N, C-alpha and C. Protein backbone atom coordinates (compact mmCIF):
# COMPACT_ATOMS: atom_id res chain seq x y z
N MET A 1 4.14 -9.12 4.44
CA MET A 1 5.07 -10.17 3.97
C MET A 1 6.28 -10.02 4.67
N LYS A 2 6.75 -8.63 5.14
CA LYS A 2 8.00 -8.67 5.83
C LYS A 2 8.41 -9.22 7.03
N THR A 3 7.30 -9.76 7.84
CA THR A 3 7.13 -9.95 9.20
C THR A 3 7.63 -11.45 9.36
N PHE A 4 8.00 -12.09 8.57
CA PHE A 4 8.03 -13.64 9.01
C PHE A 4 9.70 -13.69 9.45
N ARG A 5 9.81 -14.65 10.33
CA ARG A 5 10.94 -14.89 10.95
C ARG A 5 11.13 -16.39 10.72
N TRP A 6 12.10 -17.26 10.87
CA TRP A 6 12.25 -18.61 10.58
C TRP A 6 13.12 -19.47 11.55
N PRO A 7 12.86 -20.83 11.75
CA PRO A 7 13.72 -21.65 12.85
C PRO A 7 15.32 -20.90 12.67
N ASP A 8 15.75 -20.57 13.81
CA ASP A 8 17.14 -20.53 13.65
C ASP A 8 17.84 -21.64 13.73
N ARG A 9 17.52 -22.68 14.47
CA ARG A 9 18.39 -24.04 14.33
C ARG A 9 17.40 -24.92 15.23
N PRO A 10 17.39 -26.32 14.64
CA PRO A 10 16.67 -26.92 15.37
C PRO A 10 16.74 -27.40 16.94
N GLY A 11 15.95 -27.47 17.63
CA GLY A 11 16.01 -27.50 19.10
C GLY A 11 16.69 -28.55 20.02
N LEU A 12 16.78 -29.66 19.24
CA LEU A 12 17.47 -30.91 19.91
C LEU A 12 18.33 -31.46 19.32
N THR A 13 19.32 -32.43 20.02
CA THR A 13 20.33 -32.85 19.05
C THR A 13 20.26 -34.37 19.39
N ILE A 14 20.83 -35.45 18.56
CA ILE A 14 20.74 -36.67 18.57
C ILE A 14 21.99 -37.41 18.47
N SER A 15 22.25 -38.29 19.38
CA SER A 15 23.44 -39.39 19.25
C SER A 15 23.03 -40.56 18.64
N PRO A 16 23.87 -41.33 18.20
CA PRO A 16 23.84 -42.82 17.40
C PRO A 16 22.81 -43.73 18.16
N GLU A 17 22.79 -43.72 19.38
CA GLU A 17 22.13 -44.56 20.34
C GLU A 17 20.51 -44.25 20.18
N HIS A 18 20.12 -42.99 19.82
CA HIS A 18 18.78 -42.61 19.74
C HIS A 18 18.43 -42.35 18.55
N LEU A 19 18.86 -43.07 17.52
CA LEU A 19 18.38 -42.67 16.11
C LEU A 19 17.17 -44.00 16.20
N GLU A 20 17.32 -45.13 16.67
CA GLU A 20 16.33 -46.15 16.77
C GLU A 20 15.01 -45.63 17.44
N SER A 21 15.12 -44.66 18.07
CA SER A 21 14.19 -44.33 19.24
C SER A 21 13.11 -43.10 18.10
N ILE A 22 13.67 -42.82 17.18
CA ILE A 22 12.82 -41.97 16.29
C ILE A 22 11.94 -42.60 15.63
N SER A 23 10.54 -42.21 15.85
CA SER A 23 9.32 -42.84 15.16
C SER A 23 9.12 -42.41 14.00
N ALA A 24 8.91 -43.28 12.90
CA ALA A 24 8.52 -42.76 11.40
C ALA A 24 6.89 -42.69 11.38
N ASP A 25 6.27 -43.09 12.69
CA ASP A 25 4.84 -42.29 12.82
C ASP A 25 4.67 -41.13 12.80
N GLU A 26 5.66 -40.46 13.69
CA GLU A 26 5.78 -39.08 14.17
C GLU A 26 6.41 -38.35 13.16
N TYR A 27 7.60 -38.73 12.98
CA TYR A 27 8.60 -37.89 12.18
C TYR A 27 8.80 -38.02 10.76
N PHE A 28 9.22 -37.08 10.16
CA PHE A 28 9.96 -37.28 8.83
C PHE A 28 11.15 -36.71 8.67
N ALA A 29 12.24 -36.99 7.71
CA ALA A 29 13.54 -36.44 8.01
C ALA A 29 13.91 -35.71 6.48
N THR A 30 14.48 -34.74 6.83
CA THR A 30 15.03 -33.95 5.73
C THR A 30 16.62 -33.64 5.79
N LEU A 31 17.28 -33.57 4.65
CA LEU A 31 18.74 -33.21 4.97
C LEU A 31 18.87 -31.94 5.35
N LYS A 32 20.07 -31.74 6.22
CA LYS A 32 20.48 -30.62 6.52
C LYS A 32 21.42 -30.41 5.81
N LEU A 33 21.24 -29.05 5.14
CA LEU A 33 22.25 -28.54 3.94
C LEU A 33 23.12 -27.53 4.55
N ASP A 34 24.07 -27.45 3.93
CA ASP A 34 25.35 -26.44 4.18
C ASP A 34 24.95 -25.11 3.52
N GLY A 35 25.06 -24.18 3.89
CA GLY A 35 24.93 -22.61 3.50
C GLY A 35 24.13 -21.81 4.27
N TRP A 36 23.25 -20.98 3.68
CA TRP A 36 23.07 -19.81 4.44
C TRP A 36 21.19 -20.01 4.28
N ARG A 37 20.59 -19.76 5.53
CA ARG A 37 19.40 -19.58 5.57
C ARG A 37 18.57 -18.27 4.57
N LEU A 38 17.39 -18.37 3.94
CA LEU A 38 17.16 -17.49 3.07
C LEU A 38 15.62 -17.74 2.89
N LEU A 39 15.03 -16.55 3.22
CA LEU A 39 13.43 -16.31 3.16
C LEU A 39 13.27 -15.79 1.76
N VAL A 40 12.65 -16.53 0.73
CA VAL A 40 12.26 -15.96 -0.60
C VAL A 40 10.80 -15.53 -0.77
N GLU A 41 10.32 -14.42 -0.94
CA GLU A 41 9.26 -13.82 -1.21
C GLU A 41 9.05 -13.38 -2.70
N ARG A 42 7.84 -13.80 -3.25
CA ARG A 42 7.47 -13.25 -4.53
C ARG A 42 6.26 -12.31 -4.08
N HIS A 43 6.07 -11.08 -4.41
CA HIS A 43 5.24 -10.24 -4.61
C HIS A 43 4.51 -9.60 -5.35
N ARG A 44 3.44 -9.88 -6.14
CA ARG A 44 3.22 -9.17 -7.34
C ARG A 44 4.25 -9.17 -8.29
N ALA A 45 4.52 -10.47 -8.33
CA ALA A 45 5.66 -10.84 -9.20
C ALA A 45 7.10 -10.27 -9.09
N LYS A 46 7.21 -9.69 -8.31
CA LYS A 46 8.79 -9.22 -7.83
C LYS A 46 9.16 -9.94 -6.51
N PHE A 47 10.26 -10.45 -6.49
CA PHE A 47 11.13 -11.10 -5.54
C PHE A 47 11.95 -10.67 -4.98
N SER A 48 12.05 -10.98 -3.63
CA SER A 48 12.96 -10.18 -2.68
C SER A 48 13.59 -11.60 -1.78
N TYR A 49 14.91 -11.31 -1.51
CA TYR A 49 15.63 -12.45 -0.55
C TYR A 49 16.28 -11.82 0.38
N LEU A 50 15.48 -12.47 1.78
CA LEU A 50 15.95 -12.19 3.09
C LEU A 50 16.74 -12.97 3.88
N SER A 51 17.69 -12.65 4.59
CA SER A 51 18.94 -13.30 5.41
C SER A 51 17.98 -13.73 6.56
N ARG A 52 18.62 -14.26 7.59
CA ARG A 52 17.99 -14.59 8.71
C ARG A 52 17.75 -13.40 9.81
N GLU A 53 18.56 -12.54 9.34
CA GLU A 53 18.36 -11.06 10.32
C GLU A 53 17.34 -10.41 9.63
N ASN A 54 16.71 -10.68 8.47
CA ASN A 54 15.45 -10.24 7.90
C ASN A 54 16.07 -8.95 7.12
N LYS A 55 17.02 -8.99 6.88
CA LYS A 55 18.12 -7.93 5.78
C LYS A 55 17.99 -8.77 4.40
N PRO A 56 17.95 -7.40 3.34
CA PRO A 56 17.96 -8.12 1.81
C PRO A 56 19.32 -8.69 2.01
N MET A 57 19.40 -9.75 1.06
CA MET A 57 20.63 -10.67 0.61
C MET A 57 20.77 -10.67 -0.84
N PRO A 58 21.92 -10.36 -1.25
CA PRO A 58 22.28 -10.39 -2.69
C PRO A 58 22.40 -11.65 -3.21
N ILE A 59 21.92 -11.96 -4.42
CA ILE A 59 22.11 -13.36 -4.95
C ILE A 59 22.41 -13.32 -6.43
N ARG A 60 23.72 -13.96 -6.62
CA ARG A 60 24.07 -13.86 -8.08
C ARG A 60 23.01 -14.32 -9.39
N ASP A 61 23.07 -13.63 -10.33
CA ASP A 61 22.03 -13.91 -11.29
C ASP A 61 22.18 -15.32 -11.80
N GLU A 62 23.36 -15.87 -11.60
CA GLU A 62 23.31 -17.24 -12.24
C GLU A 62 22.54 -18.18 -11.31
N VAL A 63 22.39 -17.92 -10.16
CA VAL A 63 21.60 -18.55 -9.33
C VAL A 63 20.34 -18.19 -9.20
N ARG A 64 20.03 -16.69 -9.07
CA ARG A 64 18.60 -16.29 -9.02
C ARG A 64 17.76 -16.58 -10.15
N PHE A 65 18.24 -16.39 -11.49
CA PHE A 65 17.27 -16.53 -12.33
C PHE A 65 16.96 -17.98 -12.96
N PRO A 66 17.53 -19.03 -12.80
CA PRO A 66 16.96 -20.04 -12.92
C PRO A 66 15.81 -20.49 -11.57
N PHE A 67 16.17 -19.99 -10.69
CA PHE A 67 15.26 -20.24 -9.17
C PHE A 67 13.84 -19.30 -9.48
N GLU A 68 13.99 -18.22 -10.17
CA GLU A 68 13.09 -17.43 -10.20
C GLU A 68 12.19 -18.24 -11.26
N ALA A 69 12.77 -18.69 -12.22
CA ALA A 69 11.96 -19.31 -13.38
C ALA A 69 11.34 -20.58 -12.89
N PHE A 70 11.73 -21.39 -11.96
CA PHE A 70 11.18 -22.35 -11.28
C PHE A 70 9.96 -22.03 -10.50
N VAL A 71 10.20 -21.33 -9.53
CA VAL A 71 9.25 -20.51 -8.84
C VAL A 71 8.01 -19.84 -9.94
N ASN A 72 8.56 -19.22 -10.52
CA ASN A 72 7.10 -18.79 -11.68
C ASN A 72 6.51 -19.98 -12.12
N GLN A 73 7.18 -20.99 -12.57
CA GLN A 73 6.62 -22.18 -13.28
C GLN A 73 5.48 -22.86 -12.29
N HIS A 74 5.93 -23.37 -11.28
CA HIS A 74 5.21 -23.95 -10.20
C HIS A 74 4.50 -23.60 -9.12
N PHE A 75 4.37 -21.98 -8.94
CA PHE A 75 3.84 -21.48 -7.98
C PHE A 75 2.80 -20.11 -8.38
N GLN A 76 1.85 -20.16 -8.07
CA GLN A 76 0.92 -19.20 -8.24
C GLN A 76 0.61 -17.99 -7.02
N GLY A 77 0.52 -16.73 -7.63
CA GLY A 77 0.51 -15.34 -6.97
C GLY A 77 1.82 -15.07 -5.75
N ASP A 78 1.13 -14.56 -5.21
CA ASP A 78 1.92 -14.30 -3.97
C ASP A 78 2.50 -15.15 -3.06
N THR A 79 3.85 -15.70 -2.97
CA THR A 79 4.42 -16.95 -2.40
C THR A 79 5.88 -16.61 -1.46
N ILE A 80 5.60 -17.65 -0.45
CA ILE A 80 6.74 -17.19 0.66
C ILE A 80 7.43 -18.66 0.67
N LEU A 81 8.91 -18.69 0.55
CA LEU A 81 9.50 -19.81 0.38
C LEU A 81 10.49 -19.90 1.82
N ASP A 82 10.71 -20.89 2.53
CA ASP A 82 11.86 -20.97 3.60
C ASP A 82 12.74 -22.08 2.66
N CYS A 83 14.14 -21.36 2.36
CA CYS A 83 15.13 -21.74 1.57
C CYS A 83 16.14 -21.95 2.28
N GLU A 84 17.22 -22.45 1.65
CA GLU A 84 18.72 -22.44 2.07
C GLU A 84 19.28 -22.08 0.77
N LEU A 85 20.35 -21.39 0.71
CA LEU A 85 21.09 -20.62 -0.32
C LEU A 85 22.37 -21.49 0.08
N THR A 86 22.54 -22.75 -0.78
CA THR A 86 23.54 -23.65 -0.48
C THR A 86 24.99 -22.79 -0.91
N GLY A 87 26.02 -23.82 -0.47
CA GLY A 87 27.34 -23.08 -1.04
C GLY A 87 28.38 -23.44 0.47
N ASN A 88 29.55 -23.14 0.15
CA ASN A 88 30.60 -23.15 0.84
C ASN A 88 30.61 -22.05 1.88
N ARG A 89 30.41 -22.07 3.36
CA ARG A 89 30.15 -21.00 4.17
C ARG A 89 31.63 -20.41 4.17
N ARG A 90 32.64 -20.93 4.26
CA ARG A 90 33.99 -20.77 4.43
C ARG A 90 34.71 -19.74 3.40
N THR A 91 34.21 -20.00 2.15
CA THR A 91 34.86 -19.16 1.02
C THR A 91 33.64 -18.36 0.34
N GLY A 92 32.19 -18.33 1.00
CA GLY A 92 31.20 -17.68 0.42
C GLY A 92 30.60 -17.78 -1.02
N ASP A 93 30.95 -18.94 -1.40
CA ASP A 93 30.60 -19.37 -2.84
C ASP A 93 29.35 -20.11 -2.64
N ALA A 94 28.17 -19.40 -3.08
CA ALA A 94 26.88 -19.80 -3.13
C ALA A 94 26.74 -20.54 -4.56
N LYS A 95 25.64 -21.58 -4.57
CA LYS A 95 25.70 -22.61 -5.48
C LYS A 95 24.24 -22.28 -6.19
N ALA A 96 23.20 -22.74 -5.32
CA ALA A 96 21.83 -22.76 -5.72
C ALA A 96 20.76 -22.89 -4.58
N ILE A 97 19.50 -22.30 -4.73
CA ILE A 97 18.85 -22.07 -3.80
C ILE A 97 17.94 -23.69 -3.72
N VAL A 98 17.46 -24.05 -2.43
CA VAL A 98 16.88 -25.02 -2.49
C VAL A 98 15.56 -24.97 -1.41
N ILE A 99 14.36 -25.28 -1.76
CA ILE A 99 13.27 -25.28 -0.84
C ILE A 99 13.25 -25.71 0.72
N LEU A 100 13.11 -25.52 1.44
CA LEU A 100 12.90 -26.42 2.78
C LEU A 100 11.61 -26.55 3.13
N ASP A 101 10.67 -25.35 2.90
CA ASP A 101 9.34 -25.39 3.49
C ASP A 101 8.69 -24.54 2.79
N ILE A 102 7.21 -24.28 2.42
CA ILE A 102 6.37 -23.54 1.54
C ILE A 102 5.42 -22.86 3.03
N LEU A 103 5.47 -21.87 2.81
CA LEU A 103 4.94 -20.88 4.06
C LEU A 103 3.55 -20.19 3.56
N MET A 104 3.80 -20.11 1.93
CA MET A 104 2.52 -19.05 1.33
C MET A 104 2.46 -19.46 -0.13
N GLU A 105 1.31 -19.67 -0.63
CA GLU A 105 1.11 -19.49 -2.28
C GLU A 105 -0.08 -19.01 -2.46
N ASN A 106 0.11 -18.14 -3.23
CA ASN A 106 -1.37 -17.48 -4.03
C ASN A 106 -1.88 -16.62 -2.95
N GLY A 107 -1.41 -16.13 -1.75
CA GLY A 107 -1.77 -15.10 -0.61
C GLY A 107 -1.90 -16.02 0.33
N VAL A 108 -2.24 -17.41 0.25
CA VAL A 108 -2.67 -18.25 1.24
C VAL A 108 -1.68 -19.12 2.24
N ALA A 109 -1.54 -18.66 3.54
CA ALA A 109 -0.65 -18.76 4.42
C ALA A 109 -0.67 -20.47 4.72
N PHE A 110 0.49 -21.41 4.85
CA PHE A 110 0.50 -22.54 5.22
C PHE A 110 1.16 -22.58 6.20
N TYR A 111 1.66 -21.84 7.24
CA TYR A 111 2.91 -21.80 8.38
C TYR A 111 2.27 -22.39 9.54
N HIS A 112 0.80 -22.37 9.62
CA HIS A 112 0.34 -22.82 10.66
C HIS A 112 -0.21 -24.53 10.26
N ALA A 113 -0.19 -25.00 9.28
CA ALA A 113 -0.31 -26.33 8.95
C ALA A 113 1.16 -27.13 9.26
N PRO A 114 0.07 -28.40 9.49
CA PRO A 114 1.29 -29.53 9.87
C PRO A 114 2.55 -29.34 8.69
N ALA A 115 3.67 -29.78 9.28
CA ALA A 115 4.72 -29.62 8.65
C ALA A 115 4.77 -30.73 7.46
N LEU A 116 4.43 -31.83 7.60
CA LEU A 116 4.45 -32.98 6.56
C LEU A 116 3.45 -32.29 5.31
N ASP A 117 2.37 -31.94 5.68
CA ASP A 117 1.75 -30.90 4.58
C ASP A 117 2.22 -30.01 3.81
N ARG A 118 2.85 -29.07 4.50
CA ARG A 118 3.24 -27.99 3.89
C ARG A 118 4.56 -28.33 2.90
N ILE A 119 5.25 -29.35 3.40
CA ILE A 119 6.47 -29.63 2.47
C ILE A 119 5.98 -30.57 1.51
N THR A 120 4.58 -31.25 1.67
CA THR A 120 4.24 -32.30 0.38
C THR A 120 3.15 -31.34 -0.35
N ALA A 121 2.91 -30.16 0.03
CA ALA A 121 1.95 -29.20 -0.34
C ALA A 121 1.71 -29.17 -2.27
N LYS A 122 2.94 -29.42 -2.87
CA LYS A 122 3.01 -29.13 -4.30
C LYS A 122 4.02 -30.56 -4.75
N ASP A 123 3.78 -31.21 -5.80
CA ASP A 123 4.36 -32.22 -6.36
C ASP A 123 5.41 -31.40 -7.15
N LEU A 124 6.52 -31.10 -6.60
CA LEU A 124 7.80 -30.41 -7.37
C LEU A 124 8.86 -31.47 -7.40
N PRO A 125 9.25 -31.10 -8.60
CA PRO A 125 10.74 -31.70 -9.00
C PRO A 125 11.53 -31.81 -8.12
N GLY A 126 12.46 -32.59 -7.88
CA GLY A 126 13.35 -32.91 -7.00
C GLY A 126 14.62 -31.94 -7.01
N SER A 127 14.62 -31.13 -8.09
CA SER A 127 15.94 -30.46 -8.23
C SER A 127 16.14 -29.42 -7.41
N TYR A 128 14.79 -28.76 -6.75
CA TYR A 128 14.99 -27.46 -5.94
C TYR A 128 14.16 -27.71 -4.69
N LEU A 129 13.56 -29.05 -4.32
CA LEU A 129 13.11 -29.22 -3.09
C LEU A 129 14.04 -30.16 -2.40
N VAL A 130 14.30 -29.98 -1.02
CA VAL A 130 15.42 -30.56 -0.16
C VAL A 130 14.75 -32.08 -0.20
N PRO A 131 15.91 -32.97 -0.29
CA PRO A 131 15.40 -34.40 -0.35
C PRO A 131 14.70 -34.67 1.25
N TYR A 132 13.90 -35.75 1.02
CA TYR A 132 13.12 -35.87 2.37
C TYR A 132 12.81 -37.44 2.47
N ALA A 133 12.46 -37.87 3.52
CA ALA A 133 11.95 -39.31 3.92
C ALA A 133 11.05 -39.50 4.94
N PHE A 134 10.09 -40.28 4.77
CA PHE A 134 9.25 -40.77 5.70
C PHE A 134 8.86 -42.11 5.49
N GLY A 135 8.32 -42.80 6.20
CA GLY A 135 7.86 -44.09 6.40
C GLY A 135 9.24 -44.66 6.98
N ASN A 136 9.76 -45.63 6.48
CA ASN A 136 10.79 -46.34 7.22
C ASN A 136 11.98 -45.41 7.12
N LEU A 137 12.12 -44.76 8.29
CA LEU A 137 13.37 -43.59 7.95
C LEU A 137 14.77 -44.25 7.55
N LYS A 138 14.95 -45.20 8.37
CA LYS A 138 16.42 -45.77 8.25
C LYS A 138 16.54 -46.64 7.02
N GLY A 139 15.54 -47.47 6.73
CA GLY A 139 15.61 -47.94 5.54
C GLY A 139 15.66 -47.07 4.31
N GLY A 140 14.61 -46.13 4.51
CA GLY A 140 14.35 -45.33 3.13
C GLY A 140 15.56 -44.03 3.20
N TRP A 141 16.46 -44.08 3.89
CA TRP A 141 17.24 -42.93 3.75
C TRP A 141 18.35 -43.14 2.73
N ARG A 142 18.72 -44.59 2.32
CA ARG A 142 19.49 -44.78 1.39
C ARG A 142 19.11 -43.90 -0.04
N LYS A 143 18.10 -43.92 -0.29
CA LYS A 143 17.64 -43.60 -1.47
C LYS A 143 17.80 -41.68 -1.53
N VAL A 144 17.39 -41.42 -0.18
CA VAL A 144 17.36 -39.92 -0.40
C VAL A 144 18.80 -39.68 -0.08
N TRP A 145 19.87 -40.21 0.52
CA TRP A 145 21.23 -39.83 0.40
C TRP A 145 21.74 -40.00 -1.20
N GLN A 146 21.55 -40.96 -1.84
CA GLN A 146 21.80 -41.28 -3.26
C GLN A 146 21.27 -40.10 -4.14
N ASP A 147 19.94 -39.45 -3.88
CA ASP A 147 19.42 -38.80 -4.52
C ASP A 147 19.99 -37.43 -4.44
N TRP A 148 20.55 -36.77 -3.14
CA TRP A 148 21.31 -35.67 -2.62
C TRP A 148 22.93 -35.80 -3.54
N GLN A 149 23.59 -37.01 -3.26
CA GLN A 149 24.67 -37.13 -3.85
C GLN A 149 24.28 -36.62 -5.68
N GLY A 150 23.44 -37.04 -6.14
CA GLY A 150 23.15 -36.69 -7.50
C GLY A 150 22.96 -35.35 -7.75
N PHE A 151 22.34 -34.94 -7.06
CA PHE A 151 21.84 -33.25 -7.13
C PHE A 151 23.25 -32.45 -6.94
N SER A 152 23.81 -33.03 -5.70
CA SER A 152 25.04 -32.15 -5.36
C SER A 152 25.94 -31.88 -6.42
N SER A 153 26.21 -33.11 -7.19
CA SER A 153 27.25 -33.12 -8.41
C SER A 153 26.76 -32.37 -9.76
N VAL A 154 25.23 -32.73 -9.75
CA VAL A 154 25.03 -31.89 -10.91
C VAL A 154 25.11 -30.21 -10.54
N LYS A 155 24.59 -29.98 -9.50
CA LYS A 155 24.67 -28.53 -9.03
C LYS A 155 25.93 -27.72 -8.41
N GLY A 156 26.69 -28.47 -8.11
CA GLY A 156 28.09 -28.19 -7.42
C GLY A 156 27.75 -27.79 -5.91
N ASN A 157 26.49 -28.48 -5.14
CA ASN A 157 26.56 -28.13 -4.00
C ASN A 157 27.55 -28.91 -2.90
N PRO A 158 27.92 -28.37 -2.07
CA PRO A 158 28.86 -29.14 -0.90
C PRO A 158 27.79 -30.48 -0.24
N PRO A 159 28.57 -31.30 0.21
CA PRO A 159 27.76 -32.47 0.95
C PRO A 159 26.54 -31.83 1.80
N ALA A 160 25.82 -32.82 2.12
CA ALA A 160 24.85 -32.23 3.37
C ALA A 160 25.81 -32.47 4.60
N GLU A 161 25.11 -31.55 5.68
CA GLU A 161 25.62 -31.51 7.20
C GLU A 161 25.19 -32.42 8.03
N GLY A 162 24.21 -33.19 7.71
CA GLY A 162 23.47 -33.95 8.42
C GLY A 162 21.59 -34.21 8.22
N ILE A 163 21.01 -34.50 9.06
CA ILE A 163 19.52 -34.57 9.06
C ILE A 163 19.13 -33.78 10.31
N VAL A 164 17.72 -33.40 9.80
CA VAL A 164 16.73 -32.64 10.63
C VAL A 164 15.52 -33.90 10.69
N PHE A 165 15.16 -34.36 11.80
CA PHE A 165 13.87 -34.71 12.14
C PHE A 165 12.73 -33.88 12.46
N ARG A 166 11.61 -33.99 11.58
CA ARG A 166 10.57 -32.92 11.99
C ARG A 166 9.34 -33.73 12.36
N ARG A 167 8.69 -33.36 13.40
CA ARG A 167 7.21 -33.72 13.69
C ARG A 167 6.70 -33.81 12.40
N LYS A 168 5.73 -34.80 12.18
CA LYS A 168 4.73 -34.24 11.07
C LYS A 168 3.74 -33.25 11.58
N ASP A 169 3.23 -33.39 12.49
CA ASP A 169 2.35 -32.47 13.03
C ASP A 169 2.75 -31.03 13.41
N SER A 170 4.11 -30.70 13.50
CA SER A 170 4.81 -29.73 14.11
C SER A 170 4.23 -28.39 13.16
N ARG A 171 4.26 -27.30 13.66
CA ARG A 171 3.75 -25.82 13.34
C ARG A 171 5.28 -25.09 12.82
N TYR A 172 4.99 -24.27 12.00
CA TYR A 172 5.96 -23.35 11.76
C TYR A 172 6.59 -22.63 12.91
N ILE A 173 7.60 -22.23 13.68
CA ILE A 173 7.88 -21.35 14.38
C ILE A 173 8.17 -19.91 13.69
N GLY A 174 7.91 -18.87 14.20
CA GLY A 174 7.80 -17.75 13.59
C GLY A 174 8.61 -16.83 14.10
N SER A 175 9.58 -17.27 15.04
CA SER A 175 10.74 -16.33 15.95
C SER A 175 12.13 -17.28 15.73
N PRO A 176 13.39 -16.99 15.16
CA PRO A 176 14.24 -17.45 15.55
C PRO A 176 14.69 -17.76 16.93
N VAL A 177 14.44 -17.08 17.75
CA VAL A 177 14.33 -17.17 19.28
C VAL A 177 13.83 -18.05 19.70
N LYS A 178 12.37 -18.40 19.28
CA LYS A 178 11.52 -19.77 20.03
C LYS A 178 11.88 -20.60 19.11
N ALA A 179 12.47 -20.76 18.02
CA ALA A 179 12.77 -21.87 17.09
C ALA A 179 13.68 -22.73 17.87
N ALA A 180 14.78 -21.98 18.46
CA ALA A 180 15.60 -23.05 19.34
C ALA A 180 15.18 -24.04 20.29
N GLU A 181 13.89 -23.44 20.71
CA GLU A 181 13.05 -24.54 21.89
C GLU A 181 12.31 -25.33 21.16
N ASN A 182 12.09 -25.13 19.66
CA ASN A 182 10.91 -26.11 19.03
C ASN A 182 11.28 -27.42 19.35
N PRO A 183 10.10 -28.21 20.02
CA PRO A 183 10.04 -29.43 20.40
C PRO A 183 9.81 -30.55 19.11
N GLY A 184 9.47 -30.01 18.04
CA GLY A 184 9.07 -30.82 16.93
C GLY A 184 10.22 -30.84 16.00
N TRP A 185 11.22 -30.51 16.19
CA TRP A 185 12.63 -30.52 15.47
C TRP A 185 13.71 -31.51 16.32
N ILE A 186 14.11 -32.04 15.44
CA ILE A 186 15.83 -32.92 16.15
C ILE A 186 16.62 -32.92 15.01
N ARG A 187 17.65 -32.24 15.50
CA ARG A 187 19.08 -32.11 14.65
C ARG A 187 19.82 -33.15 14.91
N CYS A 188 20.54 -33.74 13.92
CA CYS A 188 21.67 -34.73 13.95
C CYS A 188 22.46 -34.21 12.84
N LYS A 189 23.80 -33.62 12.95
CA LYS A 189 24.76 -33.42 12.06
C LYS A 189 25.56 -34.49 12.04
N TRP A 190 26.43 -34.66 11.05
CA TRP A 190 27.57 -35.80 10.43
C TRP A 190 28.22 -36.02 11.82
N ARG A 191 28.96 -37.16 11.71
CA ARG A 191 29.66 -36.98 12.97
C ARG A 191 30.98 -36.04 12.77
N SER A 192 31.13 -35.69 13.89
CA SER A 192 32.43 -34.84 14.09
C SER A 192 33.08 -34.94 15.51
N GLY A 193 34.11 -35.82 15.29
CA GLY A 193 34.76 -36.05 16.51
C GLY A 193 33.96 -37.34 16.91
N SER A 194 33.29 -37.11 18.24
CA SER A 194 32.28 -38.03 18.83
C SER A 194 30.81 -37.60 18.62
N ASP A 195 30.50 -36.45 18.05
CA ASP A 195 29.45 -36.00 18.05
C ASP A 195 28.72 -36.37 16.67
N GLY A 196 27.52 -36.67 17.06
CA GLY A 196 26.48 -37.05 15.76
C GLY A 196 26.77 -38.60 15.40
N LEU A 197 26.02 -38.65 13.88
CA LEU A 197 26.22 -39.84 13.13
C LEU A 197 27.12 -39.75 11.76
N ALA A 198 27.51 -40.92 11.80
CA ALA A 198 28.11 -40.71 10.10
C ALA A 198 27.24 -41.08 9.30
N PRO A 199 27.34 -40.72 8.09
CA PRO A 199 26.49 -40.91 6.99
C PRO A 199 25.90 -42.33 6.73
N THR A 200 27.28 -43.13 6.78
CA THR A 200 27.08 -44.67 6.81
C THR A 200 26.30 -45.07 7.73
N GLU A 201 26.00 -44.59 9.06
CA GLU A 201 25.52 -45.34 9.82
C GLU A 201 23.90 -45.17 9.91
N ILE A 202 23.32 -44.69 8.80
CA ILE A 202 21.74 -44.68 8.74
C ILE A 202 21.61 -45.28 7.21
N LEU A 203 22.54 -45.76 6.55
CA LEU A 203 22.22 -46.52 5.43
C LEU A 203 21.94 -47.74 5.67
């Protein structure tokens, strides 16, 4: 279970004029959260937390205990979750763990399954699952954005950094090096100068 590596970053970027070219038939969208990538493994009821470099990552009890209780309630057996430890990267203040992808449950691996099947494999409460949208991406994004604002205020999370569009049929990339070339992911950060989109441009 220690062999998993996860996408380092989406492979493409998008500018405002390309937003309309994203096909809702082919892609779904998730919020790009601010924080640290985290691989969470539960093996024989024991949890481990690994950084992007595959090294143990310390998690404060007030963040770790509620998340472990959530996983124990909603997942069975050996489980691997691709997550984000949300918080302010400049201050190092971690707030919560949010699930980005479900890679294994009860010892059954899902990382070769289509992306949309993985993220919808469990009917999870929204408090620990990254907000996502499919169907009418632009029209449906207002609710996703509003859901995140509510989640952010309750959990004390920082605002999202942007959007990641993921092909519904894309497979999980097992290497951070290869992940940068993943053709199934498109990254769109909120506007910084002339780069990316402003949040209001998608509402």
